[in-house]
C-alpha atoms as a PDB file:
ATOM      1  CA  MET A   1       0.000   0.000   0.000  1.00  0.00           C
ATOM      2  CA  ILE A   2       2.725   2.505   0.944  1.00  0.00           C
ATOM      3  CA  ASP A   3       4.588   1.650  -2.274  1.00  0.00           C
ATOM      4  CA  THR A   4       1.549   2.742  -4.269  1.00  0.00           C
ATOM      5  CA  ILE A   5       1.077   5.932  -2.273  1.00  0.00           C
ATOM      6  CA  LEU A   6       4.757   6.861  -2.604  1.00  0.00           C
ATOM      7  CA  ASP A   7       5.165   5.810  -6.250  1.00  0.00           C
ATOM      8  CA  PRO A   8       7.489   8.412  -7.825  1.00  0.00           C
ATOM      9  CA  LYS A   9       5.617   8.204 -11.150  1.00  0.00           C
ATOM     10  CA  ILE A  10       2.358   9.330  -9.539  1.00  0.00           C
ATOM     11  CA  TRP A  11       4.067  12.187  -7.714  1.00  0.00           C
ATOM     12  CA  LEU A  12       6.025  13.291 -10.785  1.00  0.00           C
ATOM     13  CA  ILE A  13       2.775  13.666 -12.733  1.00  0.00           C
ATOM     14  CA  LEU A  14       0.915  15.311  -9.841  1.00  0.00           C
ATOM     15  CA  VAL A  15       3.665  17.822  -9.071  1.00  0.00           C
ATOM     16  CA  ALA A  16       4.223  18.605 -12.769  1.00  0.00           C
ATOM     17  CA  ALA A  17       0.521  19.450 -13.132  1.00  0.00           C
ATOM     18  CA  ALA A  18       0.309  21.482  -9.900  1.00  0.00           C
ATOM     19  CA  HIS A  19       3.608  23.271 -10.597  1.00  0.00           C
ATOM     20  CA  SER A  20       2.506  24.198 -14.113  1.00  0.00           C
ATOM     21  CA  ILE A  21      -1.087  25.202 -13.492  1.00  0.00           C
ATOM     22  CA  MET A  22      -1.230  26.624  -9.972  1.00  0.00           C
ATOM     23  CA  GLY A  23       2.414  27.623  -9.653  1.00  0.00           C
ATOM     24  CA  ILE A  24       3.045  29.257 -13.018  1.00  0.00           C
ATOM     25  CA  ILE A  25       0.212  29.462 -15.562  1.00  0.00           C
ATOM     26  CA  LEU A  26      -2.546  30.923 -13.350  1.00  0.00           C
ATOM     27  CA  PRO A  27      -0.620  33.399 -11.167  1.00  0.00           C
ATOM     28  CA  THR A  28       1.656  34.818 -13.876  1.00  0.00           C
ATOM     29  CA  ASP A  29       0.932  38.165 -15.519  1.00  0.00           C
ATOM     30  CA  TRP A  30       1.594  37.090 -19.106  1.00  0.00           C
ATOM     31  CA  SER A  31       1.363  40.641 -20.480  1.00  0.00           C
ATOM     32  CA  LYS A  32       4.937  41.354 -19.340  1.00  0.00           C
ATOM     33  CA  SER A  33       7.793  40.111 -21.494  1.00  0.00           C
ATOM     34  CA  ASN A  34       9.999  39.306 -18.510  1.00  0.00           C
ATOM     35  CA  ASN A  35       7.239  37.178 -16.981  1.00  0.00           C
ATOM     36  CA  LYS A  36       6.779  35.275 -20.247  1.00  0.00           C
ATOM     37  CA  ALA A  37      10.484  34.476 -20.308  1.00  0.00           C
ATOM     38  CA  MET A  38      10.599  33.402 -16.653  1.00  0.00           C
ATOM     39  CA  GLY A  39       7.299  31.498 -16.787  1.00  0.00           C
ATOM     40  CA  GLY A  40       8.373  29.638 -19.907  1.00  0.00           C
ATOM     41  CA  TYR A  41      11.682  28.746 -18.318  1.00  0.00           C
ATOM     42  CA  LEU A  42       9.988  27.490 -15.145  1.00  0.00           C
ATOM     43  CA  LEU A  43       7.623  25.329 -17.209  1.00  0.00           C
ATOM     44  CA  LEU A  44      10.632  23.366 -18.477  1.00  0.00           C
ATOM     45  CA  THR A  45      10.761  21.651 -15.089  1.00  0.00           C
ATOM     46  CA  ALA A  46       7.347  20.133 -15.789  1.00  0.00           C
ATOM     47  CA  PHE A  47       8.589  18.669 -19.078  1.00  0.00           C
ATOM     48  CA  THR A  48      11.531  17.096 -17.277  1.00  0.00           C
ATOM     49  CA  MET A  49       9.223  15.609 -14.654  1.00  0.00           C
ATOM     50  CA  LEU A  50       6.835  14.238 -17.288  1.00  0.00           C
ATOM     51  CA  TYR A  51       9.770  12.738 -19.185  1.00  0.00           C
ATOM     52  CA  ALA A  52      10.902  10.999 -15.999  1.00  0.00           C
ATOM     53  CA  ALA A  53       7.342   9.795 -15.312  1.00  0.00           C
ATOM     54  CA  PHE A  54       6.629   8.338 -18.742  1.00  0.00           C
ATOM     55  CA  MET A  55      10.004   7.462 -20.248  1.00  0.00           C
ATOM     56  CA  MET A  56      11.842   6.056 -17.213  1.00  0.00           C
ATOM     57  CA  ASP A  57      11.105   3.519 -14.527  1.00  0.00           C
ATOM     58  CA  GLY A  58      12.496   1.917 -11.417  1.00  0.00           C
ATOM     59  CA  GLU A  59      15.525   3.327  -9.648  1.00  0.00           C
ATOM     60  CA  GLU A  60      16.444   5.676 -12.513  1.00  0.00           C
ATOM     61  CA  GLN A  61      13.009   7.298 -12.359  1.00  0.00           C
ATOM     62  CA  ALA A  62      13.180   7.559  -8.568  1.00  0.00           C
ATOM     63  CA  ARG A  63      16.648   9.078  -8.604  1.00  0.00           C
ATOM     64  CA  LEU A  64      15.677  11.695 -11.174  1.00  0.00           C
ATOM     65  CA  ALA A  65      12.576  12.523  -9.121  1.00  0.00           C
ATOM     66  CA  LEU A  66      14.812  13.054  -6.086  1.00  0.00           C
ATOM     67  CA  VAL A  67      17.348  15.124  -8.039  1.00  0.00           C
ATOM     68  CA  ILE A  68      14.583  17.363  -9.415  1.00  0.00           C
ATOM     69  CA  ALA A  69      12.457  17.746  -6.279  1.00  0.00           C
ATOM     70  CA  GLY A  70      15.082  17.812  -3.526  1.00  0.00           C
ATOM     71  CA  PRO A  71      16.768  21.055  -4.623  1.00  0.00           C
ATOM     72  CA  VAL A  72      13.399  22.708  -5.323  1.00  0.00           C
ATOM     73  CA  TRP A  73      12.234  21.840  -1.791  1.00  0.00           C
ATOM     74  CA  VAL A  74      15.458  23.241  -0.326  1.00  0.00           C
ATOM     75  CA  TRP A  75      15.070  26.397  -2.447  1.00  0.00           C
ATOM     76  CA  PHE A  76      11.537  26.893  -1.084  1.00  0.00           C
ATOM     77  CA  ILE A  77      12.924  26.699   2.468  1.00  0.00           C
ATOM     78  CA  VAL A  78      15.713  29.171   1.650  1.00  0.00           C
ATOM     79  CA  SER A  79      13.270  31.539  -0.097  1.00  0.00           C
ATOM     80  CA  ILE A  80      10.910  31.465   2.863  1.00  0.00           C
ATOM     81  CA  MET A  81      13.668  32.041   5.389  1.00  0.00           C
ATOM     82  CA  MET A  82      14.979  34.983   3.358  1.00  0.00           C
ATOM     83  CA  GLU A  83      11.420  36.261   2.730  1.00  0.00           C
ATOM     84  CA  LEU A  84      12.148  36.601  -0.980  1.00  0.00           C
ATOM     85  CA  GLU A  85       9.607  38.219  -3.291  1.00  0.00           C
ATOM     86  CA  ILE A  86       8.300  36.759  -6.527  1.00  0.00           C
ATOM     87  CA  ASP A  87       7.235  39.407  -9.014  1.00  0.00           C
ATOM     88  CA  MET A  88       5.566  37.392 -11.763  1.00  0.00           C
ATOM     89  CA  GLY A  89       1.930  38.185 -10.913  1.00  0.00           C
ATOM     90  CA  GLU A  90       0.077  41.441 -10.684  1.00  0.00           C
ATOM     91  CA  GLU A  91       1.257  41.903  -7.080  1.00  0.00           C
ATOM     92  CA  PRO A  92       4.622  40.779  -5.656  1.00  0.00           C
ATOM     93  CA  ILE A  93       4.347  37.696  -3.464  1.00  0.00           C
ATOM     94  CA  VAL A  94       6.496  37.468  -0.350  1.00  0.00           C
ATOM     95  CA  MET A  95       7.483  33.884   0.380  1.00  0.00           C
ATOM     96  CA  THR A  96       6.015  32.898   3.769  1.00  0.00           C
ATOM     97  CA  TRP A  97       5.554  29.594   5.585  1.00  0.00           C
ATOM     98  CA  LYS A  98       1.767  29.913   5.586  1.00  0.00           C
ATOM     99  CA  GLN A  99       1.277  30.334   1.844  1.00  0.00           C
ATOM    100  CA  ASN A 100       3.916  27.771   0.877  1.00  0.00           C
ATOM    101  CA  VAL A 101       2.686  24.737   2.801  1.00  0.00           C
ATOM    102  CA  PRO A 102       1.049  23.143  -0.297  1.00  0.00           C
ATOM    103  CA  PRO A 103       4.139  23.364  -2.543  1.00  0.00           C
ATOM    104  CA  LEU A 104       6.412  22.316   0.319  1.00  0.00           C
ATOM    105  CA  VAL A 105       4.300  19.196   0.859  1.00  0.00           C
ATOM    106  CA  LEU A 106       4.071  18.355  -2.859  1.00  0.00           C
ATOM    107  CA  TRP A 107       7.772  18.832  -3.608  1.00  0.00           C
ATOM    108  CA  GLY A 108       8.711  17.169  -0.310  1.00  0.00           C
ATOM    109  CA  VAL A 109       6.633  14.044  -0.944  1.00  0.00           C
ATOM    110  CA  LEU A 110       8.023  13.830  -4.488  1.00  0.00           C
ATOM    111  CA  ALA A 111      11.579  14.012  -3.115  1.00  0.00           C
ATOM    112  CA  LEU A 112      10.748  11.480  -0.405  1.00  0.00           C
ATOM    113  CA  SER A 113       9.176   9.068  -2.875  1.00  0.00           C
ATOM    114  CA  GLY A 114      12.276   9.341  -5.038  1.00  0.00           C
ATOM    115  CA  LEU A 115      14.584   8.772  -2.087  1.00  0.00           C
ATOM    116  CA  LEU A 116      12.698   5.722  -0.833  1.00  0.00           C
ATOM    117  CA  ALA A 117      12.581   4.076  -4.289  1.00  0.00           C
ATOM    118  CA  SER A 118      16.110   5.086  -5.337  1.00  0.00           C
ATOM    119  CA  GLY A 119      17.928   2.173  -3.760  1.00  0.00           C
ATOM    120  CA  TRP A 120      20.224   4.646  -2.025  1.00  0.00           C
ATOM    121  CA  ILE A 121      18.835   3.927   1.457  1.00  0.00           C
END
């Protein structure tokens, strides 16, 4: 049961969708050229995750999930601690613990699922 819940493939697809839709596509002010460039660049992560989900399997898939999600999770923690601002929407967003619980959980579970299936522990 836990293997199904923590299947890296499921989490790669789920996080790619959430990252793309709720993290980039909806909140971004696409009328600004700089935001188009940054939003497009950030969407590349979703393509990498979907590649790992559909074109890889086993330990390779798990390791790539960990390598993608682990640094993103750490960057969220650093951004929150430094109270960095994201200026891609209509209003700047200050990174806080309260508003970043959902992405922290999603990226964290993806990293955890990758770690547990990687064969490294």
